[in-house]
Protein backbone atom coordinates (compact mmCIF):
# COMPACT_ATOMS: atom_id res chain seq x y z
CA MET A 1 -26.00 -57.57 11.21
CA ALA A 2 -23.60 -56.89 8.34
CA ARG A 3 -24.34 -58.19 4.85
CA LYS A 4 -22.25 -61.14 3.68
CA LEU A 5 -20.21 -60.92 0.49
CA ALA A 6 -17.55 -63.09 -1.14
CA ILE A 7 -14.29 -61.94 -2.72
CA GLN A 8 -12.88 -64.21 -5.41
CA ILE A 9 -9.46 -63.33 -6.85
CA VAL A 10 -8.30 -65.23 -9.92
CA ASN A 11 -7.42 -63.33 -13.14
CA GLY A 12 -9.16 -60.24 -11.90
CA PHE A 13 -11.60 -60.18 -9.02
CA VAL A 14 -15.26 -60.51 -8.17
CA ILE A 15 -16.99 -59.18 -5.07
CA ARG A 16 -20.48 -60.64 -4.89
CA GLN A 17 -23.34 -60.67 -2.43
CA GLU A 18 -24.02 -64.03 -0.81
CA PRO A 19 -26.29 -65.56 -1.82
CA PRO A 20 -26.02 -63.91 -5.25
CA LEU A 21 -29.04 -62.09 -6.64
CA PRO A 22 -30.51 -63.26 -9.95
CA TYR A 23 -29.03 -61.22 -12.82
CA LYS A 24 -32.44 -59.75 -13.73
CA GLU A 25 -32.60 -58.09 -10.28
CA LEU A 26 -29.25 -56.30 -10.65
CA ILE A 27 -29.09 -52.60 -11.53
CA ASP A 28 -26.06 -51.43 -13.52
CA ILE A 29 -24.62 -48.43 -11.65
CA ASN A 30 -21.45 -48.01 -13.72
CA ASN A 31 -22.80 -44.84 -15.31
CA ASP A 32 -23.42 -43.18 -11.92
CA ASP A 33 -19.74 -42.23 -11.63
CA LYS A 34 -16.88 -41.10 -13.85
CA MET A 35 -14.61 -43.93 -12.66
CA TYR A 36 -15.74 -47.31 -13.93
CA PHE A 37 -15.26 -50.88 -12.94
CA ALA A 38 -15.75 -53.49 -15.65
CA LYS A 39 -19.02 -54.39 -13.88
CA LEU A 40 -20.64 -52.58 -10.94
CA TYR A 41 -24.17 -53.57 -9.91
CA ALA A 42 -26.49 -52.70 -7.05
CA ASP A 43 -29.70 -54.17 -5.72
CA ARG A 44 -33.02 -52.29 -5.88
CA SER A 45 -32.17 -50.41 -2.66
CA GLY A 46 -28.93 -49.09 -4.21
CA LYS A 47 -26.53 -51.25 -2.18
CA ILE A 48 -23.54 -52.67 -4.03
CA CYS A 49 -23.98 -56.38 -4.66
CA TYR A 50 -21.53 -57.16 -7.47
CA ILE A 51 -18.18 -55.72 -8.62
CA PHE A 52 -15.93 -57.23 -11.27
CA ASP A 53 -12.68 -55.91 -12.70
CA SER A 54 -9.19 -56.94 -13.77
CA GLY A 55 -7.65 -55.58 -10.55
CA ALA A 56 -8.09 -53.01 -7.81
CA ARG A 57 -6.18 -49.84 -8.61
CA THR A 58 -5.04 -47.02 -6.33
CA THR A 59 -6.96 -44.55 -8.52
CA GLN A 60 -10.23 -46.42 -7.91
CA ILE A 61 -9.60 -46.61 -4.16
CA LYS A 62 -8.84 -42.88 -3.94
CA TYR A 63 -11.83 -41.96 -6.12
CA TYR A 64 -14.36 -44.06 -4.20
CA LYS A 65 -13.04 -43.60 -0.64
CA ASP A 66 -15.65 -40.92 0.12
CA ASN A 67 -18.50 -42.55 -1.82
CA GLU A 68 -21.29 -43.54 0.59
CA ARG A 69 -21.98 -46.85 -1.17
CA PHE A 70 -18.36 -47.92 -0.65
CA GLN A 71 -18.45 -47.09 3.08
CA GLU A 72 -20.96 -49.83 3.96
CA VAL A 73 -19.40 -52.31 6.40
CA CYS A 74 -19.90 -55.95 5.40
CA ASP A 75 -18.58 -59.40 6.28
CA PHE A 76 -16.31 -60.55 3.45
CA ASP A 77 -15.34 -64.19 2.85
CA VAL A 78 -12.26 -64.62 0.65
CA VAL A 79 -12.67 -67.70 -1.56
CA THR A 80 -10.64 -69.56 -4.20
CA TYR A 81 -11.72 -69.99 -7.83
CA ASN A 82 -13.83 -73.01 -6.75
CA ASP A 83 -15.37 -71.14 -3.77
CA LYS A 84 -13.18 -72.78 -1.10
CA PRO A 85 -12.94 -70.35 1.88
CA VAL A 86 -9.41 -69.10 2.58
CA GLY A 87 -10.08 -66.15 4.89
CA SER A 88 -12.54 -63.54 6.04
CA PHE A 89 -12.73 -60.02 7.44
CA THR A 90 -15.24 -57.32 8.30
CA GLY A 91 -14.79 -53.97 6.59
CA SER A 92 -15.98 -51.56 3.93
CA PHE A 93 -15.84 -52.01 0.17
CA ILE A 94 -12.77 -49.74 0.27
CA ASP A 95 -11.16 -52.21 2.69
CA ALA A 96 -12.05 -55.00 0.25
CA LEU A 97 -10.44 -53.15 -2.67
CA ILE A 98 -7.32 -52.50 -0.58
CA TYR A 99 -7.23 -56.22 0.33
CA ILE A 100 -7.43 -57.16 -3.36
CA LYS A 101 -4.77 -54.61 -4.36
CA ASN A 102 -2.40 -55.83 -1.62
CA PHE A 103 -3.02 -59.46 -2.63
CA ASP A 104 -2.20 -58.69 -6.27
CA ASP A 105 0.83 -56.56 -5.34
CA LYS A 106 2.23 -59.45 -3.30
CA ARG A 107 1.34 -62.06 -5.93
CA PHE A 108 2.99 -60.09 -8.75
CA GLY A 109 5.89 -58.71 -6.68
CA ARG A 110 4.77 -55.08 -6.97
CA ARG A 111 5.48 -52.45 -4.37
CA SER A 112 2.52 -50.49 -3.07
C-alpha cells in the first residue's frame, strides 16, 4: 500500500505526509544534496515526509529525477489552503513536482 501525502499549493507549496509527523521526529535532509528546497525533511527511515518551497522548478525536477527518494510512488491528495480536497493522484515525488509546476504555470500564464 502506497503512503499517503497531501499537496497544498498557495503562495508556494507543501508536500506533507498524512498524518504529519511531529516536528521533533523530522530529519533535515537539505544538506544531502547540492540542490536545495526551502525545507526538505525525511522520517527516521529516510523517506521524504515534508517538502516546502516557493515553487517547483524545472531545474529541481531534472536534478532529482534519478534520486531514489524521489522515485517512491505515493498516493497524493491535492488540498486547498484550508485542507479541502480538490483532487488526487498516485505517482512519484517527481510526478508531484511536475503537477505543482504545471499548476503554477497555468495559474500564472507561463509556458512550460
